[in-house]
All heavy atoms as atom14 arrays in JSON, in Angstrom:
{
  "sequence": "VINADDYYGSHAFKMAYDFLTENEDTADTYRYMMVGYKLENTL",
  "atom14_mask": [
    [1, 1, 1, 1, 1, 1, 1, 0, 0, 0, 0, 0, 0, 0],
    [1, 1, 1, 1, 1, 1, 1, 1, 0, 0, 0, 0, 0, 0],
    [1, 1, 1, 1, 1, 1, 1, 1, 0, 0, 0, 0, 0, 0],
    [1, 1, 1, 1, 1, 0, 0, 0, 0, 0, 0, 0, 0, 0],
    [1, 1, 1, 1, 1, 1, 1, 1, 0, 0, 0, 0, 0, 0],
    [1, 1, 1, 1, 1, 1, 1, 1, 0, 0, 0, 0, 0, 0],
    [1, 1, 1, 1, 1, 1, 1, 1, 1, 1, 1, 1, 0, 0],
    [1, 1, 1, 1, 1, 1, 1, 1, 1, 1, 1, 1, 0, 0],
    [1, 1, 1, 1, 0, 0, 0, 0, 0, 0, 0, 0, 0, 0],
    [1, 1, 1, 1, 1, 1, 0, 0, 0, 0, 0, 0, 0, 0],
    [1, 1, 1, 1, 1, 1, 1, 1, 1, 1, 0, 0, 0, 0],
    [1, 1, 1, 1, 1, 0, 0, 0, 0, 0, 0, 0, 0, 0],
    [1, 1, 1, 1, 1, 1, 1, 1, 1, 1, 1, 0, 0, 0],
    [1, 1, 1, 1, 1, 1, 1, 1, 1, 0, 0, 0, 0, 0],
    [1, 1, 1, 1, 1, 1, 1, 1, 0, 0, 0, 0, 0, 0],
    [1, 1, 1, 1, 1, 0, 0, 0, 0, 0, 0, 0, 0, 0],
    [1, 1, 1, 1, 1, 1, 1, 1, 1, 1, 1, 1, 0, 0],
    [1, 1, 1, 1, 1, 1, 1, 1, 0, 0, 0, 0, 0, 0],
    [1, 1, 1, 1, 1, 1, 1, 1, 1, 1, 1, 0, 0, 0],
    [1, 1, 1, 1, 1, 1, 1, 1, 0, 0, 0, 0, 0, 0],
    [1, 1, 1, 1, 1, 1, 1, 0, 0, 0, 0, 0, 0, 0],
    [1, 1, 1, 1, 1, 1, 1, 1, 1, 0, 0, 0, 0, 0],
    [1, 1, 1, 1, 1, 1, 1, 1, 0, 0, 0, 0, 0, 0],
    [1, 1, 1, 1, 1, 1, 1, 1, 1, 0, 0, 0, 0, 0],
    [1, 1, 1, 1, 1, 1, 1, 1, 0, 0, 0, 0, 0, 0],
    [1, 1, 1, 1, 1, 1, 1, 0, 0, 0, 0, 0, 0, 0],
    [1, 1, 1, 1, 1, 0, 0, 0, 0, 0, 0, 0, 0, 0],
    [1, 1, 1, 1, 1, 1, 1, 1, 0, 0, 0, 0, 0, 0],
    [1, 1, 1, 1, 1, 1, 1, 0, 0, 0, 0, 0, 0, 0],
    [1, 1, 1, 1, 1, 1, 1, 1, 1, 1, 1, 1, 0, 0],
    [1, 1, 1, 1, 1, 1, 1, 1, 1, 1, 1, 0, 0, 0],
    [1, 1, 1, 1, 1, 1, 1, 1, 1, 1, 1, 1, 0, 0],
    [1, 1, 1, 1, 1, 1, 1, 1, 0, 0, 0, 0, 0, 0],
    [1, 1, 1, 1, 1, 1, 1, 1, 0, 0, 0, 0, 0, 0],
    [1, 1, 1, 1, 1, 1, 1, 0, 0, 0, 0, 0, 0, 0],
    [1, 1, 1, 1, 0, 0, 0, 0, 0, 0, 0, 0, 0, 0],
    [1, 1, 1, 1, 1, 1, 1, 1, 1, 1, 1, 1, 0, 0],
    [1, 1, 1, 1, 1, 1, 1, 1, 1, 0, 0, 0, 0, 0],
    [1, 1, 1, 1, 1, 1, 1, 1, 0, 0, 0, 0, 0, 0],
    [1, 1, 1, 1, 1, 1, 1, 1, 1, 0, 0, 0, 0, 0],
    [1, 1, 1, 1, 1, 1, 1, 1, 0, 0, 0, 0, 0, 0],
    [1, 1, 1, 1, 1, 1, 1, 0, 0, 0, 0, 0, 0, 0],
    [1, 1, 1, 1, 1, 1, 1, 1, 0, 0, 0, 0, 0, 0]
  ],
  "atom14_positions": [
    [[-6.03, -12.32, -0.94], [-7.0, -13.28, -0.41], [-7.21, -13.0, 1.08], [-6.26, -12.73, 1.81], [-6.51, -14.74, -0.65], [-5.16, -14.99, -0.01], [-7.54, -15.74, -0.14], [0.0, 0.0, 0.0], [0.0, 0.0, 0.0], [0.0, 0.0, 0.0], [0.0, 0.0, 0.0], [0.0, 0.0, 0.0], [0.0, 0.0, 0.0], [0.0, 0.0, 0.0]],
    [[-8.49, -13.01, 1.49], [-8.84, -12.73, 2.88], [-9.91, -13.72, 3.35], [-10.52, -14.42, 2.55], [-9.38, -11.3, 3.06], [-10.69, -11.1, 2.28], [-8.33, -10.27, 2.67], [-11.4, -9.78, 2.57], [0.0, 0.0, 0.0], [0.0, 0.0, 0.0], [0.0, 0.0, 0.0], [0.0, 0.0, 0.0], [0.0, 0.0, 0.0], [0.0, 0.0, 0.0]],
    [[-10.12, -13.74, 4.66], [-11.25, -14.47, 5.22], [-12.52, -13.62, 5.11], [-12.46, -12.39, 5.18], [-11.01, -14.79, 6.7], [-9.9, -15.79, 6.9], [-9.59, -16.61, 6.03], [-9.26, -15.73, 8.07], [0.0, 0.0, 0.0], [0.0, 0.0, 0.0], [0.0, 0.0, 0.0], [0.0, 0.0, 0.0], [0.0, 0.0, 0.0], [0.0, 0.0, 0.0]],
    [[-13.65, -14.28, 4.97], [-14.91, -13.57, 4.81], [-15.37, -12.89, 6.09], [-16.05, -11.86, 6.04], [-15.99, -14.54, 4.33], [0.0, 0.0, 0.0], [0.0, 0.0, 0.0], [0.0, 0.0, 0.0], [0.0, 0.0, 0.0], [0.0, 0.0, 0.0], [0.0, 0.0, 0.0], [0.0, 0.0, 0.0], [0.0, 0.0, 0.0], [0.0, 0.0, 0.0]],
    [[-15.01, -13.45, 7.23], [-15.6, -12.99, 8.49], [-14.63, -12.17, 9.35], [-14.82, -12.06, 10.56], [-16.13, -14.18, 9.29], [-15.12, -15.32, 9.38], [-13.99, -15.16, 8.86], [-15.45, -16.37, 9.96], [0.0, 0.0, 0.0], [0.0, 0.0, 0.0], [0.0, 0.0, 0.0], [0.0, 0.0, 0.0], [0.0, 0.0, 0.0], [0.0, 0.0, 0.0]],
    [[-13.6, -11.61, 8.72], [-12.63, -10.79, 9.45], [-12.68, -9.34, 8.96], [-12.76, -9.08, 7.76], [-11.21, -11.32, 9.25], [-10.99, -12.67, 9.91], [-11.82, -13.05, 10.74], [-9.97, -13.32, 9.6], [0.0, 0.0, 0.0], [0.0, 0.0, 0.0], [0.0, 0.0, 0.0], [0.0, 0.0, 0.0], [0.0, 0.0, 0.0], [0.0, 0.0, 0.0]],
    [[-12.59, -8.42, 9.91], [-12.46, -6.99, 9.57], [-10.98, -6.63, 9.62], [-10.34, -6.75, 10.67], [-13.25, -6.12, 10.55], [-12.99, -4.64, 10.35], [-13.71, -3.92, 9.4], [-12.0, -3.98, 11.07], [-13.44, -2.57, 9.18], [-11.74, -2.64, 10.86], [-12.46, -1.94, 9.92], [-12.19, -0.62, 9.69], [0.0, 0.0, 0.0], [0.0, 0.0, 0.0]],
    [[-10.43, -6.17, 8.49], [-9.0, -5.94, 8.39], [-8.6, -4.46, 8.49], [-7.45, -4.17, 8.82], [-8.48, -6.5, 7.06], [-8.54, -8.01, 6.99], [-9.63, -8.66, 6.41], [-7.51, -8.78, 7.51], [-9.68, -10.04, 6.34], [-7.56, -10.17, 7.45], [-8.64, -10.79, 6.87], [-8.7, -12.17, 6.8], [0.0, 0.0, 0.0], [0.0, 0.0, 0.0]],
    [[-9.51, -3.54, 8.19], [-9.19, -2.12, 8.24], [-8.7, -1.58, 6.92], [-8.1, -2.29, 6.11], [0.0, 0.0, 0.0], [0.0, 0.0, 0.0], [0.0, 0.0, 0.0], [0.0, 0.0, 0.0], [0.0, 0.0, 0.0], [0.0, 0.0, 0.0], [0.0, 0.0, 0.0], [0.0, 0.0, 0.0], [0.0, 0.0, 0.0], [0.0, 0.0, 0.0]],
    [[-8.95, -0.3, 6.68], [-8.65, 0.31, 5.39], [-7.15, 0.35, 5.09], [-6.73, 0.24, 3.94], [-9.23, 1.73, 5.34], [-8.69, 2.53, 6.39], [0.0, 0.0, 0.0], [0.0, 0.0, 0.0], [0.0, 0.0, 0.0], [0.0, 0.0, 0.0], [0.0, 0.0, 0.0], [0.0, 0.0, 0.0], [0.0, 0.0, 0.0], [0.0, 0.0, 0.0]],
    [[-6.33, 0.53, 6.12], [-4.88, 0.62, 5.92], [-4.33, -0.64, 5.27], [-3.44, -0.58, 4.4], [-4.19, 0.88, 7.26], [-2.72, 1.12, 7.17], [-1.83, 0.69, 8.12], [-1.98, 1.75, 6.22], [-0.61, 1.03, 7.77], [-0.66, 1.68, 6.63], [0.0, 0.0, 0.0], [0.0, 0.0, 0.0], [0.0, 0.0, 0.0], [0.0, 0.0, 0.0]],
    [[-4.86, -1.79, 5.65], [-4.37, -3.06, 5.12], [-4.57, -3.15, 3.61], [-3.67, -3.58, 2.88], [-5.08, -4.21, 5.82], [0.0, 0.0, 0.0], [0.0, 0.0, 0.0], [0.0, 0.0, 0.0], [0.0, 0.0, 0.0], [0.0, 0.0, 0.0], [0.0, 0.0, 0.0], [0.0, 0.0, 0.0], [0.0, 0.0, 0.0], [0.0, 0.0, 0.0]],
    [[-5.73, -2.74, 3.13], [-6.01, -2.85, 1.7], [-5.2, -1.85, 0.9], [-4.77, -2.15, -0.22], [-7.51, -2.67, 1.45], [-8.32, -3.83, 1.94], [-8.94, -3.79, 3.18], [-8.46, -4.97, 1.17], [-9.68, -4.86, 3.64], [-9.19, -6.05, 1.62], [-9.8, -6.0, 2.86], [0.0, 0.0, 0.0], [0.0, 0.0, 0.0], [0.0, 0.0, 0.0]],
    [[-4.97, -0.67, 1.46], [-4.14, 0.31, 0.75], [-2.71, -0.19, 0.62], [-2.09, -0.09, -0.45], [-4.17, 1.64, 1.51], [-3.41, 2.77, 0.81], [-4.05, 3.14, -0.51], [-3.48, 4.41, -1.12], [-2.07, 4.29, -1.5], [0.0, 0.0, 0.0], [0.0, 0.0, 0.0], [0.0, 0.0, 0.0], [0.0, 0.0, 0.0], [0.0, 0.0, 0.0]],
    [[-2.16, -0.75, 1.7], [-0.8, -1.29, 1.65], [-0.71, -2.44, 0.66], [0.25, -2.54, -0.12], [-0.37, -1.77, 3.04], [-0.1, -0.69, 4.05], [0.75, -1.32, 5.54], [-0.47, -2.5, 6.15], [0.0, 0.0, 0.0], [0.0, 0.0, 0.0], [0.0, 0.0, 0.0], [0.0, 0.0, 0.0], [0.0, 0.0, 0.0], [0.0, 0.0, 0.0]],
    [[-1.71, -3.32, 0.68], [-1.7, -4.47, -0.21], [-1.78, -4.04, -1.67], [-1.03, -4.56, -2.53], [-2.87, -5.4, 0.14], [0.0, 0.0, 0.0], [0.0, 0.0, 0.0], [0.0, 0.0, 0.0], [0.0, 0.0, 0.0], [0.0, 0.0, 0.0], [0.0, 0.0, 0.0], [0.0, 0.0, 0.0], [0.0, 0.0, 0.0], [0.0, 0.0, 0.0]],
    [[-2.67, -3.1, -1.96], [-2.81, -2.64, -3.35], [-1.52, -2.01, -3.85], [-1.06, -2.3, -4.96], [-3.96, -1.64, -3.45], [-4.21, -1.18, -4.87], [-5.04, -1.9, -5.71], [-3.61, -0.03, -5.37], [-5.27, -1.5, -7.02], [-3.81, 0.38, -6.67], [-4.66, -0.35, -7.49], [-4.85, 0.05, -8.78], [0.0, 0.0, 0.0], [0.0, 0.0, 0.0]],
    [[-0.92, -1.16, -3.03], [0.32, -0.5, -3.43], [1.43, -1.51, -3.68], [2.19, -1.39, -4.65], [0.76, 0.51, -2.37], [-0.15, 1.74, -2.31], [-0.93, 1.94, -3.26], [-0.08, 2.48, -1.31], [0.0, 0.0, 0.0], [0.0, 0.0, 0.0], [0.0, 0.0, 0.0], [0.0, 0.0, 0.0], [0.0, 0.0, 0.0], [0.0, 0.0, 0.0]],
    [[1.52, -2.51, -2.82], [2.57, -3.52, -3.01], [2.38, -4.28, -4.32], [3.33, -4.47, -5.08], [2.57, -4.51, -1.84], [3.63, -5.59, -1.97], [4.88, -5.41, -1.4], [3.38, -6.77, -2.66], [5.86, -6.38, -1.53], [4.36, -7.75, -2.8], [5.6, -7.55, -2.23], [0.0, 0.0, 0.0], [0.0, 0.0, 0.0], [0.0, 0.0, 0.0]],
    [[1.17, -4.7, -4.6], [0.91, -5.5, -5.79], [1.1, -4.71, -7.08], [1.45, -5.28, -8.12], [-0.5, -6.09, -5.74], [-0.74, -7.15, -4.65], [-2.18, -7.63, -4.69], [0.21, -8.32, -4.8], [0.0, 0.0, 0.0], [0.0, 0.0, 0.0], [0.0, 0.0, 0.0], [0.0, 0.0, 0.0], [0.0, 0.0, 0.0], [0.0, 0.0, 0.0]],
    [[0.86, -3.41, -7.03], [1.04, -2.6, -8.23], [2.48, -2.17, -8.43], [2.87, -1.84, -9.56], [0.14, -1.35, -8.19], [0.37, -0.62, -7.0], [-1.33, -1.73, -8.28], [0.0, 0.0, 0.0], [0.0, 0.0, 0.0], [0.0, 0.0, 0.0], [0.0, 0.0, 0.0], [0.0, 0.0, 0.0], [0.0, 0.0, 0.0], [0.0, 0.0, 0.0]],
    [[3.27, -2.2, -7.37], [4.65, -1.72, -7.46], [5.68, -2.85, -7.52], [6.86, -2.6, -7.77], [4.96, -0.82, -6.26], [4.13, 0.46, -6.24], [4.24, 1.22, -4.93], [5.01, 0.76, -4.04], [3.54, 2.24, -4.78], [0.0, 0.0, 0.0], [0.0, 0.0, 0.0], [0.0, 0.0, 0.0], [0.0, 0.0, 0.0], [0.0, 0.0, 0.0]],
    [[5.26, -4.1, -7.29], [6.2, -5.22, -7.26], [5.75, -6.32, -8.21], [4.56, -6.63, -8.31], [6.29, -5.79, -5.84], [6.9, -4.81, -4.86], [8.11, -4.77, -4.68], [6.06, -4.01, -4.21], [0.0, 0.0, 0.0], [0.0, 0.0, 0.0], [0.0, 0.0, 0.0], [0.0, 0.0, 0.0], [0.0, 0.0, 0.0], [0.0, 0.0, 0.0]],
    [[6.71, -6.91, -8.89], [6.45, -8.02, -9.79], [7.43, -9.15, -9.52], [8.53, -8.93, -8.99], [6.57, -7.57, -11.25], [5.54, -6.53, -11.68], [5.7, -6.12, -13.14], [6.71, -6.56, -13.76], [4.84, -5.38, -13.65], [0.0, 0.0, 0.0], [0.0, 0.0, 0.0], [0.0, 0.0, 0.0], [0.0, 0.0, 0.0], [0.0, 0.0, 0.0]],
    [[7.05, -10.37, -9.9], [7.95, -11.5, -9.79], [9.19, -11.25, -10.65], [9.11, -10.63, -11.72], [7.27, -12.79, -10.26], [6.11, -13.2, -9.37], [6.03, -12.69, -8.24], [5.31, -14.04, -9.81], [0.0, 0.0, 0.0], [0.0, 0.0, 0.0], [0.0, 0.0, 0.0], [0.0, 0.0, 0.0], [0.0, 0.0, 0.0], [0.0, 0.0, 0.0]],
    [[10.33, -11.75, -10.17], [11.53, -11.72, -10.99], [11.68, -13.07, -11.68], [10.84, -13.96, -11.51], [12.77, -11.43, -10.13], [12.95, -12.49, -9.17], [12.6, -10.11, -9.39], [0.0, 0.0, 0.0], [0.0, 0.0, 0.0], [0.0, 0.0, 0.0], [0.0, 0.0, 0.0], [0.0, 0.0, 0.0], [0.0, 0.0, 0.0], [0.0, 0.0, 0.0]],
    [[12.75, -13.25, -12.43], [12.94, -14.48, -13.19], [13.02, -15.71, -12.28], [12.59, -16.8, -12.67], [14.19, -14.37, -14.05], [0.0, 0.0, 0.0], [0.0, 0.0, 0.0], [0.0, 0.0, 0.0], [0.0, 0.0, 0.0], [0.0, 0.0, 0.0], [0.0, 0.0, 0.0], [0.0, 0.0, 0.0], [0.0, 0.0, 0.0], [0.0, 0.0, 0.0]],
    [[13.54, -15.53, -11.07], [13.73, -16.7, -10.2], [13.06, -16.56, -8.83], [13.21, -17.44, -7.98], [15.22, -16.97, -10.01], [15.98, -15.76, -9.47], [15.35, -14.71, -9.27], [17.2, -15.87, -9.27], [0.0, 0.0, 0.0], [0.0, 0.0, 0.0], [0.0, 0.0, 0.0], [0.0, 0.0, 0.0], [0.0, 0.0, 0.0], [0.0, 0.0, 0.0]],
    [[12.32, -15.48, -8.59], [11.72, -15.27, -7.27], [10.32, -14.7, -7.38], [10.11, -13.69, -8.05], [12.59, -14.31, -6.42], [13.93, -14.78, -6.37], [12.04, -14.21, -5.0], [0.0, 0.0, 0.0], [0.0, 0.0, 0.0], [0.0, 0.0, 0.0], [0.0, 0.0, 0.0], [0.0, 0.0, 0.0], [0.0, 0.0, 0.0], [0.0, 0.0, 0.0]],
    [[9.37, -15.35, -6.71], [8.03, -14.79, -6.58], [8.05, -13.74, -5.48], [8.68, -13.95, -4.43], [7.02, -15.87, -6.2], [6.98, -17.07, -7.12], [6.88, -18.36, -6.59], [7.03, -16.93, -8.5], [6.83, -19.47, -7.42], [6.98, -18.03, -9.33], [6.89, -19.31, -8.78], [6.84, -20.4, -9.61], [0.0, 0.0, 0.0], [0.0, 0.0, 0.0]],
    [[7.35, -12.65, -5.69], [7.31, -11.59, -4.69], [5.89, -11.46, -4.14], [5.01, -10.89, -4.78], [7.8, -10.27, -5.29], [9.23, -10.38, -5.83], [9.76, -9.04, -6.27], [10.01, -8.16, -5.12], [10.43, -6.91, -5.24], [10.64, -6.39, -6.43], [10.63, -6.17, -4.17], [0.0, 0.0, 0.0], [0.0, 0.0, 0.0], [0.0, 0.0, 0.0]],
    [[5.7, -12.02, -2.95], [4.39, -12.04, -2.31], [4.38, -11.09, -1.11], [5.4, -10.51, -0.74], [4.06, -13.46, -1.83], [4.04, -14.52, -2.91], [4.29, -15.85, -2.6], [3.76, -14.2, -4.25], [4.26, -16.84, -3.57], [3.72, -15.19, -5.22], [3.99, -16.49, -4.88], [3.96, -17.47, -5.85], [0.0, 0.0, 0.0], [0.0, 0.0, 0.0]],
    [[3.22, -10.96, -0.49], [3.09, -10.11, 0.69], [2.05, -10.7, 1.64], [1.22, -11.52, 1.26], [2.7, -8.69, 0.32], [1.47, -8.57, -0.55], [0.07, -7.58, 0.06], [-0.42, -8.31, 1.57], [0.0, 0.0, 0.0], [0.0, 0.0, 0.0], [0.0, 0.0, 0.0], [0.0, 0.0, 0.0], [0.0, 0.0, 0.0], [0.0, 0.0, 0.0]],
    [[2.14, -10.23, 2.87], [1.17, -10.6, 3.9], [0.99, -9.4, 4.81], [1.96, -8.69, 5.1], [1.69, -11.79, 4.71], [0.72, -12.33, 5.74], [1.58, -13.26, 7.04], [2.21, -11.9, 8.02], [0.0, 0.0, 0.0], [0.0, 0.0, 0.0], [0.0, 0.0, 0.0], [0.0, 0.0, 0.0], [0.0, 0.0, 0.0], [0.0, 0.0, 0.0]],
    [[-0.23, -9.14, 5.22], [-0.48, -8.08, 6.2], [-0.44, -8.7, 7.59], [-1.14, -9.69, 7.86], [-1.82, -7.38, 5.96], [-2.1, -6.36, 7.07], [-1.82, -6.68, 4.6], [0.0, 0.0, 0.0], [0.0, 0.0, 0.0], [0.0, 0.0, 0.0], [0.0, 0.0, 0.0], [0.0, 0.0, 0.0], [0.0, 0.0, 0.0], [0.0, 0.0, 0.0]],
    [[0.41, -8.15, 8.45], [0.52, -8.64, 9.82], [-0.1, -7.65, 10.79], [-0.15, -6.44, 10.55], [0.0, 0.0, 0.0], [0.0, 0.0, 0.0], [0.0, 0.0, 0.0], [0.0, 0.0, 0.0], [0.0, 0.0, 0.0], [0.0, 0.0, 0.0], [0.0, 0.0, 0.0], [0.0, 0.0, 0.0], [0.0, 0.0, 0.0], [0.0, 0.0, 0.0]],
    [[-0.57, -8.18, 11.91], [-1.23, -7.37, 12.93], [-0.54, -7.56, 14.28], [0.01, -8.62, 14.58], [-2.71, -7.75, 13.06], [-3.55, -7.31, 11.88], [-3.53, -8.04, 10.7], [-4.31, -6.16, 11.94], [-4.27, -7.63, 9.6], [-5.05, -5.74, 10.85], [-5.03, -6.48, 9.69], [-5.76, -6.06, 8.61], [0.0, 0.0, 0.0], [0.0, 0.0, 0.0]],
    [[-0.62, -6.51, 15.08], [-0.12, -6.6, 16.44], [-1.0, -7.59, 17.2], [-2.22, -7.47, 17.21], [-0.18, -5.21, 17.09], [0.46, -5.11, 18.45], [0.4, -3.67, 18.96], [0.99, -3.56, 20.36], [0.91, -2.16, 20.87], [0.0, 0.0, 0.0], [0.0, 0.0, 0.0], [0.0, 0.0, 0.0], [0.0, 0.0, 0.0], [0.0, 0.0, 0.0]],
    [[-0.38, -8.58, 17.82], [-1.11, -9.66, 18.48], [-2.21, -9.15, 19.39], [-3.35, -9.64, 19.37], [-0.13, -10.54, 19.27], [-0.74, -11.62, 20.16], [-1.57, -12.61, 19.35], [0.36, -12.36, 20.93], [0.0, 0.0, 0.0], [0.0, 0.0, 0.0], [0.0, 0.0, 0.0], [0.0, 0.0, 0.0], [0.0, 0.0, 0.0], [0.0, 0.0, 0.0]],
    [[-1.88, -8.14, 20.19], [-2.86, -7.63, 21.17], [-4.09, -7.04, 20.5], [-5.15, -6.93, 21.14], [-2.2, -6.57, 22.06], [-1.15, -7.12, 23.02], [0.19, -7.38, 22.36], [0.38, -7.03, 21.17], [1.07, -7.95, 23.04], [0.0, 0.0, 0.0], [0.0, 0.0, 0.0], [0.0, 0.0, 0.0], [0.0, 0.0, 0.0], [0.0, 0.0, 0.0]],
    [[-3.98, -6.67, 19.23], [-5.12, -6.1, 18.5], [-6.02, -7.16, 17.88], [-6.95, -6.81, 17.15], [-4.63, -5.16, 17.39], [-4.09, -3.85, 17.93], [-4.36, -3.48, 19.08], [-3.33, -3.14, 17.12], [0.0, 0.0, 0.0], [0.0, 0.0, 0.0], [0.0, 0.0, 0.0], [0.0, 0.0, 0.0], [0.0, 0.0, 0.0], [0.0, 0.0, 0.0]],
    [[-5.75, -8.42, 18.16], [-6.53, -9.5, 17.52], [-7.16, -10.46, 18.53], [-7.7, -11.48, 18.13], [-5.63, -10.32, 16.58], [-4.71, -11.13, 17.35], [-4.84, -9.42, 15.63], [0.0, 0.0, 0.0], [0.0, 0.0, 0.0], [0.0, 0.0, 0.0], [0.0, 0.0, 0.0], [0.0, 0.0, 0.0], [0.0, 0.0, 0.0], [0.0, 0.0, 0.0]],
    [[-7.1, -10.13, 19.81], [-7.58, -11.07, 20.84], [-9.05, -10.84, 21.16], [-9.63, -9.8, 20.85], [-6.73, -10.93, 22.11], [-5.23, -11.19, 21.94], [-4.5, -10.96, 23.26], [-4.99, -12.61, 21.42], [0.0, 0.0, 0.0], [0.0, 0.0, 0.0], [0.0, 0.0, 0.0], [0.0, 0.0, 0.0], [0.0, 0.0, 0.0], [0.0, 0.0, 0.0]]
  ]
}
């Protein structure tokens, strides 16, 4: 899930896709992800 008006860059989507295809929830833990950015790159 993303915001409509933000540019995230190609690297973010590749990392996200790889994580979601390689990781699954376990019996007692959901396995989620978030893409983080260097603060100075978002001002």
